[in-house]
Amino acid sequence: MGARRTVLLRRLMIRCPISGQATDTGFELTSIPAVGRSPQLLVDCLACGQDHSWEIGDAFIEKPG
């Protein structure tokens, strides 16, 4: 039996404008083409609980942890 490869799904993150903490947008790295250039809305930010609009230029890839 061959060794299993672990696949880590990287998350697309933004910096919360209220707390300054990195927070998950709900998108995986593979979803970037679906995000496009139109403004997005992050509902119930995990860092502060508020809603934030963001654009793809605001996003960065989660660091492996």
N, C-alpha and C. Protein backbone atom coordinates (compact mmCIF):
# COMPACT_ATOMS: atom_id res chain seq x y z
N MET A 1 0.84 -1.18 0.00
CA MET A 1 0.00 0.00 0.00
C MET A 1 0.88 1.24 0.00
N GLY A 2 0.58 2.20 -0.86
CA GLY A 2 1.38 3.42 -0.96
C GLY A 2 1.09 4.38 0.18
N ALA A 3 2.01 5.29 0.38
CA ALA A 3 1.84 6.29 1.44
C ALA A 3 0.76 7.28 1.03
N ARG A 4 -0.02 7.72 1.98
CA ARG A 4 -1.06 8.71 1.72
C ARG A 4 -0.45 10.10 1.74
N ARG A 5 -0.84 10.91 0.79
CA ARG A 5 -0.41 12.30 0.76
C ARG A 5 -1.44 13.16 1.48
N THR A 6 -0.98 13.98 2.36
CA THR A 6 -1.86 14.91 3.05
C THR A 6 -1.99 16.16 2.21
N VAL A 7 -3.21 16.56 1.92
CA VAL A 7 -3.46 17.76 1.14
C VAL A 7 -3.95 18.84 2.10
N LEU A 8 -3.21 19.91 2.16
CA LEU A 8 -3.60 21.04 3.01
C LEU A 8 -4.29 22.09 2.16
N LEU A 9 -5.51 22.40 2.50
CA LEU A 9 -6.23 23.43 1.76
C LEU A 9 -5.89 24.78 2.37
N ARG A 10 -5.30 25.63 1.58
CA ARG A 10 -4.94 26.97 2.05
C ARG A 10 -6.15 27.85 1.96
N ARG A 11 -6.34 28.72 2.92
CA ARG A 11 -7.49 29.61 3.01
C ARG A 11 -7.11 31.02 2.57
N LEU A 12 -8.07 31.70 1.99
CA LEU A 12 -7.91 33.09 1.60
C LEU A 12 -8.32 33.95 2.79
N MET A 13 -7.43 34.81 3.24
CA MET A 13 -7.62 35.60 4.45
C MET A 13 -7.64 37.09 4.12
N ILE A 14 -8.24 37.87 5.01
CA ILE A 14 -8.12 39.33 4.98
C ILE A 14 -7.79 39.79 6.39
N ARG A 15 -7.34 41.01 6.51
CA ARG A 15 -7.08 41.58 7.82
C ARG A 15 -8.34 42.34 8.25
N CYS A 16 -8.86 42.00 9.41
CA CYS A 16 -10.06 42.66 9.93
C CYS A 16 -9.75 44.14 10.14
N PRO A 17 -10.56 45.04 9.57
CA PRO A 17 -10.29 46.47 9.73
C PRO A 17 -10.57 46.98 11.15
N ILE A 18 -11.27 46.21 11.95
CA ILE A 18 -11.58 46.61 13.33
C ILE A 18 -10.50 46.13 14.29
N SER A 19 -10.20 44.82 14.25
CA SER A 19 -9.26 44.24 15.22
C SER A 19 -7.82 44.17 14.71
N GLY A 20 -7.64 44.20 13.38
CA GLY A 20 -6.31 44.05 12.80
C GLY A 20 -5.86 42.60 12.70
N GLN A 21 -6.70 41.66 13.13
CA GLN A 21 -6.34 40.25 13.07
C GLN A 21 -6.67 39.66 11.70
N ALA A 22 -5.90 38.65 11.31
CA ALA A 22 -6.21 37.91 10.08
C ALA A 22 -7.47 37.10 10.32
N THR A 23 -8.36 37.11 9.33
CA THR A 23 -9.61 36.37 9.46
C THR A 23 -9.95 35.68 8.14
N ASP A 24 -10.59 34.55 8.23
CA ASP A 24 -10.93 33.71 7.08
C ASP A 24 -12.06 34.33 6.28
N THR A 25 -11.91 34.36 4.95
CA THR A 25 -12.96 34.90 4.08
C THR A 25 -14.01 33.86 3.74
N GLY A 26 -13.70 32.60 4.02
CA GLY A 26 -14.61 31.52 3.63
C GLY A 26 -14.25 30.92 2.29
N PHE A 27 -13.20 31.44 1.63
CA PHE A 27 -12.76 30.92 0.35
C PHE A 27 -11.46 30.14 0.53
N GLU A 28 -11.31 29.08 -0.25
CA GLU A 28 -10.05 28.34 -0.31
C GLU A 28 -9.22 28.92 -1.45
N LEU A 29 -7.94 28.62 -1.45
CA LEU A 29 -7.04 29.09 -2.50
C LEU A 29 -7.55 28.72 -3.88
N THR A 30 -8.15 27.54 -4.01
CA THR A 30 -8.66 27.09 -5.31
C THR A 30 -9.86 27.90 -5.77
N SER A 31 -10.45 28.72 -4.90
CA SER A 31 -11.62 29.52 -5.24
C SER A 31 -11.27 30.90 -5.79
N ILE A 32 -10.01 31.24 -5.85
CA ILE A 32 -9.62 32.59 -6.27
C ILE A 32 -10.23 32.99 -7.61
N PRO A 33 -10.24 32.11 -8.64
CA PRO A 33 -10.88 32.54 -9.89
C PRO A 33 -12.35 32.88 -9.73
N ALA A 34 -13.05 32.27 -8.79
CA ALA A 34 -14.46 32.53 -8.57
C ALA A 34 -14.69 33.85 -7.85
N VAL A 35 -13.70 34.33 -7.13
CA VAL A 35 -13.84 35.58 -6.38
C VAL A 35 -13.90 36.76 -7.33
N GLY A 36 -13.03 36.76 -8.32
CA GLY A 36 -13.02 37.83 -9.29
C GLY A 36 -12.63 39.16 -8.71
N ARG A 37 -12.94 40.23 -9.43
CA ARG A 37 -12.55 41.58 -8.99
C ARG A 37 -13.69 42.34 -8.33
N SER A 38 -14.86 41.77 -8.32
CA SER A 38 -15.99 42.49 -7.72
C SER A 38 -15.88 42.48 -6.19
N PRO A 39 -16.40 43.51 -5.54
CA PRO A 39 -16.35 43.55 -4.07
C PRO A 39 -17.08 42.35 -3.47
N GLN A 40 -16.54 41.85 -2.37
CA GLN A 40 -17.10 40.72 -1.64
C GLN A 40 -17.58 41.21 -0.29
N LEU A 41 -18.39 40.43 0.37
CA LEU A 41 -18.85 40.78 1.70
C LEU A 41 -18.55 39.64 2.64
N LEU A 42 -17.77 39.93 3.67
CA LEU A 42 -17.51 38.97 4.73
C LEU A 42 -18.55 39.21 5.82
N VAL A 43 -19.40 38.22 6.05
CA VAL A 43 -20.47 38.35 7.03
C VAL A 43 -20.02 37.68 8.33
N ASP A 44 -20.24 38.36 9.44
CA ASP A 44 -19.88 37.83 10.77
C ASP A 44 -18.39 37.47 10.86
N CYS A 45 -17.56 38.46 10.67
CA CYS A 45 -16.11 38.31 10.78
C CYS A 45 -15.75 37.51 12.03
N LEU A 46 -14.88 36.53 11.88
CA LEU A 46 -14.47 35.70 13.02
C LEU A 46 -13.65 36.48 14.05
N ALA A 47 -13.06 37.60 13.63
CA ALA A 47 -12.23 38.39 14.54
C ALA A 47 -13.05 39.39 15.37
N CYS A 48 -14.13 39.96 14.79
CA CYS A 48 -14.87 41.00 15.51
C CYS A 48 -16.39 40.83 15.48
N GLY A 49 -16.89 39.97 14.61
CA GLY A 49 -18.33 39.73 14.54
C GLY A 49 -19.09 40.66 13.62
N GLN A 50 -18.42 41.66 13.05
CA GLN A 50 -19.09 42.59 12.14
C GLN A 50 -18.97 42.12 10.70
N ASP A 51 -19.66 42.80 9.80
CA ASP A 51 -19.57 42.52 8.36
C ASP A 51 -18.57 43.49 7.74
N HIS A 52 -17.79 42.99 6.77
CA HIS A 52 -16.80 43.83 6.09
C HIS A 52 -16.84 43.57 4.60
N SER A 53 -16.75 44.63 3.81
CA SER A 53 -16.57 44.44 2.37
C SER A 53 -15.06 44.33 2.12
N TRP A 54 -14.70 43.55 1.11
CA TRP A 54 -13.29 43.38 0.77
C TRP A 54 -13.18 43.06 -0.71
N GLU A 55 -11.99 43.26 -1.26
CA GLU A 55 -11.70 42.95 -2.66
C GLU A 55 -10.53 42.00 -2.71
N ILE A 56 -10.33 41.35 -3.84
CA ILE A 56 -9.27 40.34 -3.97
C ILE A 56 -7.90 40.92 -3.65
N GLY A 57 -7.70 42.22 -3.89
CA GLY A 57 -6.42 42.86 -3.57
C GLY A 57 -6.15 42.95 -2.07
N ASP A 58 -7.19 42.82 -1.26
CA ASP A 58 -7.06 42.85 0.20
C ASP A 58 -6.66 41.48 0.76
N ALA A 59 -6.83 40.44 -0.03
CA ALA A 59 -6.67 39.07 0.47
C ALA A 59 -5.23 38.59 0.42
N PHE A 60 -4.94 37.63 1.29
CA PHE A 60 -3.63 36.96 1.29
C PHE A 60 -3.87 35.50 1.66
N ILE A 61 -2.89 34.68 1.41
CA ILE A 61 -3.00 33.24 1.66
C ILE A 61 -2.59 32.93 3.08
N GLU A 62 -3.40 32.12 3.73
CA GLU A 62 -3.12 31.71 5.11
C GLU A 62 -1.75 31.03 5.21
N LYS A 63 -1.01 31.38 6.22
CA LYS A 63 0.29 30.73 6.45
C LYS A 63 0.04 29.37 7.08
N PRO A 64 0.80 28.36 6.66
CA PRO A 64 0.62 27.05 7.29
C PRO A 64 0.94 27.13 8.76
N GLY A 65 0.13 26.44 9.55
CA GLY A 65 0.30 26.64 10.95
C GLY A 65 0.60 25.47 11.75
